Amino acid sequence: MGWIGESIESIKSLQIRQVLTQAVSLGMIVTSALIIWKALMCITGSESPVVVVLSGSMEPGFKRGDILFLHMSKEPIRAGEIVVFNVDGREIPIVHRVIKVHEREDTGEVDVLTKGDNNYGDDRLLYAQGQLWLQRHHIMGRAVGFLPYVGWVTIIMTEKPIIKYILIGALGLLVITSKD
């Protein structure tokens, strides 16, 4: 009958108590992941402590699929740092290097200009219309470390959603049919 047939027979033979136990176990796993994510947000001071590089604009330093670890401290941002920022009107954050810092004399606030290492010009074309500089509220964090290529899992699941659904279905089936 095969693996699928055996899984279906296993699901049919489950009692309601076993199903509830498996559902609670799955809920605990999801809840644990969310708690870990929120704890990382508090520790790093960044709304997104981990991001995946989605383009080749930072090559050769960071390649598509690298995972970056972010931290956001109160220290002023300086030229040469790699930051992840959100632009008004765009969903996906951008990873680029700060090339210019402009400090306002009256308020002491710092405005920054960014550029991808592999790009020809600065990022002003990427910013919102009429925006020439990024302010602190646009910046999600500074890159403090990275893991090469590990983010390809995320990229593949985003670009090919069927793989994501198959993986989620297989994991759900595994949790439901596992025998304790």
N, C-alpha and C. Protein backbone atom coordinates (compact mmCIF):
# COMPACT_ATOMS: atom_id res chain seq x y z
N MET A 1 0.82 -1.19 0.00
CA MET A 1 0.00 0.00 0.00
C MET A 1 0.86 1.25 0.00
N GLY A 2 2.02 1.16 0.58
CA GLY A 2 2.94 2.29 0.54
C GLY A 2 2.84 3.19 1.75
N TRP A 3 3.73 4.18 1.76
CA TRP A 3 3.84 5.10 2.89
C TRP A 3 2.57 5.94 3.07
N ILE A 4 1.99 6.43 1.98
CA ILE A 4 0.80 7.27 2.07
C ILE A 4 -0.38 6.46 2.61
N GLY A 5 -0.55 5.25 2.11
CA GLY A 5 -1.64 4.40 2.59
C GLY A 5 -1.51 4.08 4.07
N GLU A 6 -0.29 3.80 4.49
CA GLU A 6 -0.06 3.52 5.91
C GLU A 6 -0.36 4.76 6.76
N SER A 7 0.00 5.93 6.26
CA SER A 7 -0.28 7.18 6.99
C SER A 7 -1.77 7.40 7.13
N ILE A 8 -2.52 7.16 6.07
CA ILE A 8 -3.97 7.34 6.12
C ILE A 8 -4.59 6.35 7.11
N GLU A 9 -4.14 5.11 7.09
CA GLU A 9 -4.64 4.11 8.05
C GLU A 9 -4.31 4.52 9.48
N SER A 10 -3.11 5.08 9.67
CA SER A 10 -2.70 5.53 10.99
C SER A 10 -3.58 6.66 11.49
N ILE A 11 -3.94 7.59 10.60
CA ILE A 11 -4.81 8.71 10.96
C ILE A 11 -6.20 8.20 11.32
N LYS A 12 -6.74 7.23 10.54
CA LYS A 12 -8.06 6.68 10.81
C LYS A 12 -8.12 5.98 12.17
N SER A 13 -7.01 5.38 12.57
CA SER A 13 -7.02 4.61 13.81
C SER A 13 -6.80 5.48 15.06
N LEU A 14 -6.52 6.77 14.89
CA LEU A 14 -6.27 7.65 16.03
C LEU A 14 -7.55 7.88 16.83
N GLN A 15 -7.39 7.95 18.10
CA GLN A 15 -8.52 8.30 18.96
C GLN A 15 -8.52 9.80 19.17
N ILE A 16 -9.64 10.34 19.62
CA ILE A 16 -9.79 11.79 19.78
C ILE A 16 -8.75 12.35 20.75
N ARG A 17 -8.42 11.59 21.78
CA ARG A 17 -7.43 12.04 22.76
C ARG A 17 -6.04 12.16 22.12
N GLN A 18 -5.70 11.21 21.28
CA GLN A 18 -4.41 11.26 20.58
C GLN A 18 -4.35 12.46 19.63
N VAL A 19 -5.46 12.73 18.94
CA VAL A 19 -5.51 13.87 18.02
C VAL A 19 -5.32 15.17 18.79
N LEU A 20 -6.00 15.30 19.92
CA LEU A 20 -5.84 16.51 20.73
C LEU A 20 -4.42 16.65 21.26
N THR A 21 -3.82 15.54 21.67
CA THR A 21 -2.44 15.58 22.15
C THR A 21 -1.49 16.04 21.05
N GLN A 22 -1.68 15.54 19.85
CA GLN A 22 -0.83 15.93 18.72
C GLN A 22 -1.05 17.40 18.36
N ALA A 23 -2.31 17.86 18.40
CA ALA A 23 -2.61 19.26 18.09
C ALA A 23 -1.97 20.19 19.12
N VAL A 24 -2.03 19.81 20.40
CA VAL A 24 -1.41 20.62 21.44
C VAL A 24 0.11 20.64 21.26
N SER A 25 0.70 19.51 20.90
CA SER A 25 2.15 19.45 20.66
C SER A 25 2.55 20.38 19.52
N LEU A 26 1.78 20.35 18.44
CA LEU A 26 2.06 21.23 17.31
C LEU A 26 1.92 22.69 17.72
N GLY A 27 0.90 23.01 18.50
CA GLY A 27 0.70 24.37 19.00
C GLY A 27 1.86 24.83 19.88
N MET A 28 2.38 23.92 20.69
CA MET A 28 3.52 24.26 21.55
C MET A 28 4.77 24.56 20.72
N ILE A 29 4.97 23.83 19.65
CA ILE A 29 6.12 24.07 18.78
C ILE A 29 6.01 25.46 18.15
N VAL A 30 4.84 25.79 17.62
CA VAL A 30 4.63 27.10 16.99
C VAL A 30 4.78 28.21 18.01
N THR A 31 4.19 28.03 19.19
CA THR A 31 4.28 29.04 20.24
C THR A 31 5.73 29.24 20.70
N SER A 32 6.47 28.16 20.82
CA SER A 32 7.89 28.27 21.21
C SER A 32 8.68 29.08 20.20
N ALA A 33 8.43 28.84 18.91
CA ALA A 33 9.13 29.60 17.87
C ALA A 33 8.80 31.09 17.97
N LEU A 34 7.53 31.42 18.23
CA LEU A 34 7.14 32.83 18.37
C LEU A 34 7.77 33.47 19.60
N ILE A 35 7.86 32.73 20.69
CA ILE A 35 8.48 33.26 21.90
C ILE A 35 9.96 33.52 21.66
N ILE A 36 10.63 32.61 21.00
CA ILE A 36 12.06 32.80 20.70
C ILE A 36 12.25 34.03 19.82
N TRP A 37 11.39 34.21 18.80
CA TRP A 37 11.48 35.37 17.90
C TRP A 37 11.30 36.67 18.67
N LYS A 38 10.28 36.72 19.54
CA LYS A 38 10.03 37.94 20.33
C LYS A 38 11.18 38.22 21.29
N ALA A 39 11.76 37.18 21.87
CA ALA A 39 12.91 37.36 22.76
C ALA A 39 14.10 37.92 21.99
N LEU A 40 14.34 37.42 20.78
CA LEU A 40 15.42 37.95 19.94
C LEU A 40 15.18 39.41 19.60
N MET A 41 13.92 39.78 19.35
CA MET A 41 13.59 41.18 19.07
C MET A 41 13.95 42.07 20.25
N CYS A 42 13.66 41.61 21.47
CA CYS A 42 13.96 42.39 22.67
C CYS A 42 15.47 42.49 22.89
N ILE A 43 16.18 41.40 22.70
CA ILE A 43 17.63 41.36 22.94
C ILE A 43 18.39 42.22 21.93
N THR A 44 18.00 42.14 20.65
CA THR A 44 18.75 42.85 19.60
C THR A 44 18.27 44.28 19.40
N GLY A 45 17.08 44.61 19.87
CA GLY A 45 16.53 45.94 19.64
C GLY A 45 16.08 46.16 18.21
N SER A 46 15.93 45.08 17.46
CA SER A 46 15.54 45.17 16.05
C SER A 46 14.20 44.50 15.85
N GLU A 47 13.34 45.11 15.02
CA GLU A 47 12.04 44.50 14.75
C GLU A 47 12.16 43.22 13.94
N SER A 48 13.31 43.02 13.30
CA SER A 48 13.57 41.79 12.57
C SER A 48 15.03 41.40 12.81
N PRO A 49 15.28 40.56 13.81
CA PRO A 49 16.67 40.25 14.16
C PRO A 49 17.43 39.40 13.14
N VAL A 50 16.69 38.78 12.21
CA VAL A 50 17.31 37.94 11.19
C VAL A 50 16.65 38.26 9.85
N VAL A 51 17.46 38.48 8.81
CA VAL A 51 16.92 38.72 7.46
C VAL A 51 17.72 37.90 6.44
N VAL A 52 17.09 37.66 5.31
CA VAL A 52 17.73 36.93 4.21
C VAL A 52 18.05 37.92 3.10
N VAL A 53 19.26 37.85 2.56
CA VAL A 53 19.66 38.69 1.42
C VAL A 53 18.96 38.13 0.18
N LEU A 54 18.16 38.96 -0.48
CA LEU A 54 17.34 38.50 -1.60
C LEU A 54 17.89 38.86 -2.97
N SER A 55 18.91 39.72 -3.03
CA SER A 55 19.44 40.12 -4.34
C SER A 55 20.97 40.10 -4.30
N GLY A 56 21.57 40.35 -5.43
CA GLY A 56 23.02 40.36 -5.54
C GLY A 56 23.62 41.75 -5.40
N SER A 57 22.86 42.70 -4.86
CA SER A 57 23.34 44.08 -4.80
C SER A 57 24.49 44.29 -3.81
N MET A 58 24.72 43.34 -2.91
CA MET A 58 25.80 43.50 -1.93
C MET A 58 26.98 42.57 -2.21
N GLU A 59 26.99 41.93 -3.36
CA GLU A 59 28.12 41.07 -3.71
C GLU A 59 29.37 41.91 -3.92
N PRO A 60 30.52 41.45 -3.60
CA PRO A 60 30.87 40.10 -3.19
C PRO A 60 30.76 39.86 -1.68
N GLY A 61 30.46 40.89 -0.88
CA GLY A 61 30.40 40.73 0.57
C GLY A 61 29.32 39.76 1.02
N PHE A 62 28.10 40.01 0.57
CA PHE A 62 26.97 39.14 0.89
C PHE A 62 26.33 38.70 -0.40
N LYS A 63 26.03 37.41 -0.49
CA LYS A 63 25.42 36.87 -1.68
C LYS A 63 23.95 36.56 -1.43
N ARG A 64 23.22 36.41 -2.50
CA ARG A 64 21.81 36.04 -2.39
C ARG A 64 21.70 34.74 -1.61
N GLY A 65 20.82 34.73 -0.62
CA GLY A 65 20.63 33.53 0.20
C GLY A 65 21.38 33.55 1.52
N ASP A 66 22.24 34.54 1.74
CA ASP A 66 22.91 34.65 3.03
C ASP A 66 21.92 35.15 4.08
N ILE A 67 22.07 34.68 5.30
CA ILE A 67 21.25 35.16 6.41
C ILE A 67 22.07 36.16 7.20
N LEU A 68 21.49 37.33 7.48
CA LEU A 68 22.17 38.36 8.28
C LEU A 68 21.53 38.44 9.66
N PHE A 69 22.37 38.63 10.67
CA PHE A 69 21.90 38.86 12.03
C PHE A 69 22.01 40.35 12.30
N LEU A 70 20.93 40.92 12.82
CA LEU A 70 20.86 42.37 13.01
C LEU A 70 20.85 42.75 14.48
N HIS A 71 21.36 43.94 14.73
CA HIS A 71 21.31 44.54 16.07
C HIS A 71 21.09 46.03 15.87
N MET A 72 20.29 46.63 16.74
CA MET A 72 20.03 48.06 16.64
C MET A 72 20.32 48.71 17.98
N SER A 73 21.44 49.39 18.07
CA SER A 73 21.81 50.06 19.31
C SER A 73 21.50 51.55 19.19
N LYS A 74 21.69 52.27 20.27
CA LYS A 74 21.42 53.72 20.30
C LYS A 74 22.56 54.52 19.68
N GLU A 75 23.70 53.87 19.44
CA GLU A 75 24.86 54.57 18.88
C GLU A 75 24.53 55.11 17.49
N PRO A 76 25.10 56.26 17.14
CA PRO A 76 24.83 56.82 15.81
C PRO A 76 25.35 55.92 14.69
N ILE A 77 24.65 55.95 13.60
CA ILE A 77 25.04 55.15 12.43
C ILE A 77 26.17 55.87 11.72
N ARG A 78 27.17 55.12 11.30
CA ARG A 78 28.35 55.68 10.67
C ARG A 78 28.52 55.15 9.24
N ALA A 79 29.23 55.92 8.43
CA ALA A 79 29.53 55.50 7.06
C ALA A 79 30.34 54.20 7.11
N GLY A 80 30.03 53.31 6.19
CA GLY A 80 30.71 52.03 6.11
C GLY A 80 29.93 50.88 6.74
N GLU A 81 28.97 51.21 7.62
CA GLU A 81 28.18 50.15 8.25
C GLU A 81 27.16 49.60 7.25
N ILE A 82 26.83 48.32 7.41
CA ILE A 82 25.81 47.71 6.58
C ILE A 82 24.52 47.70 7.38
N VAL A 83 23.48 48.29 6.80
CA VAL A 83 22.20 48.41 7.49
C VAL A 83 21.09 47.75 6.67
N VAL A 84 20.04 47.40 7.36
CA VAL A 84 18.82 46.91 6.71
C VAL A 84 17.76 47.97 6.96
N PHE A 85 17.11 48.41 5.90
CA PHE A 85 16.15 49.50 6.06
C PHE A 85 14.87 49.23 5.28
N ASN A 86 13.80 49.86 5.74
CA ASN A 86 12.51 49.83 5.06
C ASN A 86 12.28 51.18 4.42
N VAL A 87 11.73 51.16 3.24
CA VAL A 87 11.37 52.39 2.54
C VAL A 87 9.85 52.47 2.55
N ASP A 88 9.33 53.67 2.80
CA ASP A 88 7.88 53.85 2.79
C ASP A 88 7.31 53.39 1.45
N GLY A 89 6.26 52.57 1.51
CA GLY A 89 5.62 52.08 0.31
C GLY A 89 6.18 50.76 -0.22
N ARG A 90 7.19 50.21 0.44
CA ARG A 90 7.77 48.92 0.04
C ARG A 90 7.68 47.94 1.19
N GLU A 91 7.34 46.69 0.87
CA GLU A 91 7.22 45.67 1.91
C GLU A 91 8.56 45.05 2.29
N ILE A 92 9.41 44.84 1.32
CA ILE A 92 10.63 44.07 1.54
C ILE A 92 11.77 44.99 1.96
N PRO A 93 12.43 44.67 3.09
CA PRO A 93 13.57 45.49 3.52
C PRO A 93 14.76 45.33 2.58
N ILE A 94 15.65 46.30 2.60
CA ILE A 94 16.82 46.34 1.72
C ILE A 94 18.08 46.32 2.58
N VAL A 95 19.08 45.55 2.12
CA VAL A 95 20.38 45.46 2.80
C VAL A 95 21.40 46.22 1.96
N HIS A 96 21.91 47.34 2.48
CA HIS A 96 22.93 48.11 1.77
C HIS A 96 23.88 48.79 2.75
N ARG A 97 24.95 49.35 2.21
CA ARG A 97 25.98 50.00 3.02
C ARG A 97 25.72 51.51 3.10
N VAL A 98 25.98 52.08 4.27
CA VAL A 98 25.87 53.52 4.46
C VAL A 98 27.10 54.17 3.81
N ILE A 99 26.87 55.11 2.88
CA ILE A 99 28.01 55.76 2.22
C ILE A 99 28.18 57.20 2.66
N LYS A 100 27.10 57.84 3.15
CA LYS A 100 27.20 59.21 3.63
C LYS A 100 26.33 59.38 4.86
N VAL A 101 26.83 60.16 5.79
CA VAL A 101 26.08 60.49 7.00
C VAL A 101 25.99 62.00 7.09
N HIS A 102 24.79 62.49 7.33
CA HIS A 102 24.56 63.93 7.43
C HIS A 102 23.93 64.20 8.79
N GLU A 103 24.66 64.92 9.65
CA GLU A 103 24.12 65.23 10.97
C GLU A 103 23.56 66.65 10.97
N ARG A 104 22.32 66.77 11.40
CA ARG A 104 21.67 68.08 11.48
C ARG A 104 22.18 68.81 12.71
N GLU A 105 22.65 70.02 12.51
CA GLU A 105 23.22 70.79 13.62
C GLU A 105 22.16 71.20 14.64
N ASP A 106 20.96 71.52 14.16
CA ASP A 106 19.93 72.01 15.08
C ASP A 106 19.36 70.92 15.99
N THR A 107 19.15 69.70 15.47
CA THR A 107 18.53 68.64 16.27
C THR A 107 19.51 67.53 16.66
N GLY A 108 20.61 67.43 15.96
CA GLY A 108 21.55 66.35 16.22
C GLY A 108 21.15 65.02 15.59
N GLU A 109 20.01 65.00 14.88
CA GLU A 109 19.56 63.78 14.21
C GLU A 109 20.48 63.48 13.02
N VAL A 110 20.59 62.20 12.72
CA VAL A 110 21.48 61.76 11.65
C VAL A 110 20.66 61.24 10.48
N ASP A 111 20.96 61.74 9.28
CA ASP A 111 20.38 61.23 8.04
C ASP A 111 21.47 60.45 7.32
N VAL A 112 21.07 59.35 6.66
CA VAL A 112 22.07 58.54 5.97
C VAL A 112 21.68 58.30 4.52
N LEU A 113 22.69 58.08 3.71
CA LEU A 113 22.53 57.72 2.31
C LEU A 113 23.17 56.35 2.14
N THR A 114 22.50 55.45 1.43
CA THR A 114 22.99 54.08 1.28
C THR A 114 23.25 53.75 -0.18
N LYS A 115 23.97 52.63 -0.36
CA LYS A 115 24.29 52.14 -1.71
C LYS A 115 24.63 50.66 -1.60
N GLY A 116 24.17 49.87 -2.55
CA GLY A 116 24.58 48.48 -2.64
C GLY A 116 26.01 48.41 -3.16
N ASP A 117 26.83 47.55 -2.58
CA ASP A 117 28.24 47.45 -2.99
C ASP A 117 28.38 47.11 -4.48
N ASN A 118 27.42 46.38 -5.03
CA ASN A 118 27.47 45.95 -6.42
C ASN A 118 26.67 46.86 -7.34
N ASN A 119 26.13 47.95 -6.81
CA ASN A 119 25.32 48.87 -7.61
C ASN A 119 26.17 50.06 -8.08
N TYR A 120 25.75 50.65 -9.19
CA TYR A 120 26.49 51.77 -9.77
C TYR A 120 26.31 53.05 -8.97
N GLY A 121 25.05 53.37 -8.63
CA GLY A 121 24.78 54.63 -7.95
C GLY A 121 24.17 54.43 -6.58
N ASP A 122 23.92 55.55 -5.90
CA ASP A 122 23.33 55.47 -4.56
C ASP A 122 21.86 55.05 -4.65
N ASP A 123 21.22 54.94 -3.49
CA ASP A 123 19.87 54.38 -3.40
C ASP A 123 18.74 55.39 -3.49
N ARG A 124 19.02 56.61 -3.84
CA ARG A 124 17.95 57.61 -3.85
C ARG A 124 16.80 57.23 -4.78
N LEU A 125 17.07 56.45 -5.82
CA LEU A 125 15.99 56.00 -6.70
C LEU A 125 15.11 54.95 -6.02
N LEU A 126 15.65 54.28 -5.00
CA LEU A 126 14.88 53.28 -4.26
C LEU A 126 14.02 53.89 -3.15
N TYR A 127 14.42 55.06 -2.68
CA TYR A 127 13.69 55.71 -1.59
C TYR A 127 12.33 56.18 -2.10
N ALA A 128 11.46 56.57 -1.16
CA ALA A 128 10.15 57.10 -1.52
C ALA A 128 10.32 58.38 -2.35
N GLN A 129 9.34 58.68 -3.15
CA GLN A 129 9.42 59.85 -4.03
C GLN A 129 9.69 61.11 -3.23
N GLY A 130 10.72 61.85 -3.64
CA GLY A 130 11.09 63.09 -2.98
C GLY A 130 11.99 62.90 -1.77
N GLN A 131 12.26 61.67 -1.39
CA GLN A 131 13.10 61.40 -0.22
C GLN A 131 14.56 61.31 -0.66
N LEU A 132 15.43 62.08 0.01
CA LEU A 132 16.85 62.09 -0.34
C LEU A 132 17.71 61.36 0.68
N TRP A 133 17.21 61.21 1.90
CA TRP A 133 17.97 60.59 2.98
C TRP A 133 17.09 59.62 3.75
N LEU A 134 17.73 58.67 4.43
CA LEU A 134 17.01 57.80 5.36
C LEU A 134 17.17 58.36 6.77
N GLN A 135 16.10 58.30 7.53
CA GLN A 135 16.17 58.70 8.93
C GLN A 135 16.25 57.42 9.78
N ARG A 136 16.48 57.60 11.06
CA ARG A 136 16.65 56.47 11.97
C ARG A 136 15.44 55.53 11.97
N HIS A 137 14.23 56.06 11.83
CA HIS A 137 13.05 55.20 11.89
C HIS A 137 12.94 54.27 10.67
N HIS A 138 13.66 54.55 9.60
CA HIS A 138 13.66 53.68 8.43
C HIS A 138 14.57 52.46 8.65
N ILE A 139 15.55 52.58 9.52
CA ILE A 139 16.57 51.55 9.68
C ILE A 139 16.12 50.50 10.69
N MET A 140 16.12 49.23 10.25
CA MET A 140 15.70 48.12 11.09
C MET A 140 16.84 47.61 11.96
N GLY A 141 18.07 47.72 11.47
CA GLY A 141 19.19 47.23 12.24
C GLY A 141 20.48 47.24 11.45
N ARG A 142 21.56 47.00 12.17
CA ARG A 142 22.89 46.90 11.56
C ARG A 142 23.27 45.42 11.47
N ALA A 143 23.93 45.06 10.40
CA ALA A 143 24.40 43.68 10.26
C ALA A 143 25.58 43.45 11.20
N VAL A 144 25.47 42.40 12.03
CA VAL A 144 26.54 42.09 12.97
C VAL A 144 27.12 40.70 12.72
N GLY A 145 26.52 39.94 11.84
CA GLY A 145 27.02 38.60 11.51
C GLY A 145 26.19 38.00 10.39
N PHE A 146 26.67 36.89 9.82
CA PHE A 146 25.91 36.26 8.74
C PHE A 146 26.22 34.77 8.65
N LEU A 147 25.30 34.04 8.05
CA LEU A 147 25.47 32.63 7.70
C LEU A 147 25.31 32.52 6.19
N PRO A 148 26.33 32.05 5.49
CA PRO A 148 26.22 31.97 4.04
C PRO A 148 25.27 30.87 3.58
N TYR A 149 24.47 31.19 2.58
CA TYR A 149 23.61 30.27 1.82
C TYR A 149 22.43 29.66 2.58
N VAL A 150 22.34 29.79 3.88
CA VAL A 150 21.28 29.15 4.66
C VAL A 150 19.90 29.71 4.29
N GLY A 151 19.85 30.94 3.85
CA GLY A 151 18.58 31.57 3.50
C GLY A 151 17.96 31.08 2.20
N TRP A 152 18.68 30.23 1.46
CA TRP A 152 18.12 29.72 0.22
C TRP A 152 16.83 28.93 0.46
N VAL A 153 16.70 28.34 1.64
CA VAL A 153 15.46 27.62 1.97
C VAL A 153 14.29 28.59 1.90
N THR A 154 14.44 29.76 2.48
CA THR A 154 13.39 30.77 2.47
C THR A 154 13.11 31.26 1.05
N ILE A 155 14.16 31.51 0.29
CA ILE A 155 13.98 32.00 -1.08
C ILE A 155 13.24 30.97 -1.93
N ILE A 156 13.61 29.71 -1.83
CA ILE A 156 12.96 28.66 -2.63
C ILE A 156 11.49 28.55 -2.24
N MET A 157 11.19 28.59 -0.94
CA MET A 157 9.79 28.47 -0.51
C MET A 157 8.97 29.69 -0.91
N THR A 158 9.60 30.85 -1.02
CA THR A 158 8.89 32.06 -1.44
C THR A 158 8.65 32.05 -2.95
N GLU A 159 9.66 31.65 -3.70
CA GLU A 159 9.54 31.67 -5.16
C GLU A 159 8.75 30.49 -5.71
N LYS A 160 8.74 29.38 -4.99
CA LYS A 160 8.00 28.18 -5.41
C LYS A 160 7.09 27.75 -4.27
N PRO A 161 5.92 28.38 -4.13
CA PRO A 161 5.04 28.12 -2.99
C PRO A 161 4.59 26.66 -2.87
N ILE A 162 4.53 25.93 -3.96
CA ILE A 162 4.10 24.53 -3.89
C ILE A 162 5.04 23.73 -2.99
N ILE A 163 6.32 24.05 -3.02
CA ILE A 163 7.29 23.35 -2.17
C ILE A 163 6.98 23.64 -0.69
N LYS A 164 6.62 24.88 -0.40
CA LYS A 164 6.26 25.26 0.98
C LYS A 164 5.05 24.45 1.44
N TYR A 165 4.02 24.36 0.61
CA TYR A 165 2.81 23.64 1.00
C TYR A 165 3.07 22.14 1.16
N ILE A 166 3.89 21.57 0.30
CA ILE A 166 4.25 20.16 0.43
C ILE A 166 5.01 19.92 1.73
N LEU A 167 5.97 20.80 2.03
CA LEU A 167 6.76 20.66 3.26
C LEU A 167 5.88 20.80 4.50
N ILE A 168 5.00 21.79 4.54
CA ILE A 168 4.11 21.99 5.68
C ILE A 168 3.17 20.78 5.83
N GLY A 169 2.64 20.31 4.71
CA GLY A 169 1.76 19.14 4.76
C GLY A 169 2.48 17.90 5.27
N ALA A 170 3.70 17.68 4.78
CA ALA A 170 4.48 16.52 5.22
C ALA A 170 4.81 16.61 6.71
N LEU A 171 5.18 17.80 7.19
CA LEU A 171 5.49 17.96 8.62
C LEU A 171 4.23 17.77 9.46
N GLY A 172 3.11 18.31 9.01
CA GLY A 172 1.85 18.11 9.73
C GLY A 172 1.46 16.65 9.80
N LEU A 173 1.61 15.97 8.67
CA LEU A 173 1.32 14.53 8.63
C LEU A 173 2.25 13.75 9.54
N LEU A 174 3.51 14.15 9.59
CA LEU A 174 4.47 13.49 10.46
C LEU A 174 4.10 13.67 11.93
N VAL A 175 3.67 14.88 12.29
CA VAL A 175 3.28 15.14 13.68
C VAL A 175 2.03 14.35 14.05
N ILE A 176 1.06 14.31 13.14
CA ILE A 176 -0.20 13.62 13.43
C ILE A 176 0.00 12.11 13.53
N THR A 177 0.84 11.56 12.67
CA THR A 177 0.98 10.10 12.64
C THR A 177 2.11 9.57 13.51
N SER A 178 2.88 10.43 14.14
CA SER A 178 3.98 9.93 14.97
C SER A 178 3.42 9.22 16.20
N LYS A 179 4.08 8.16 16.57
CA LYS A 179 3.67 7.39 17.74
C LYS A 179 4.62 7.72 18.88
N ASP A 180 4.04 8.14 20.00
CA ASP A 180 4.86 8.54 21.15
C ASP A 180 5.41 7.37 21.90
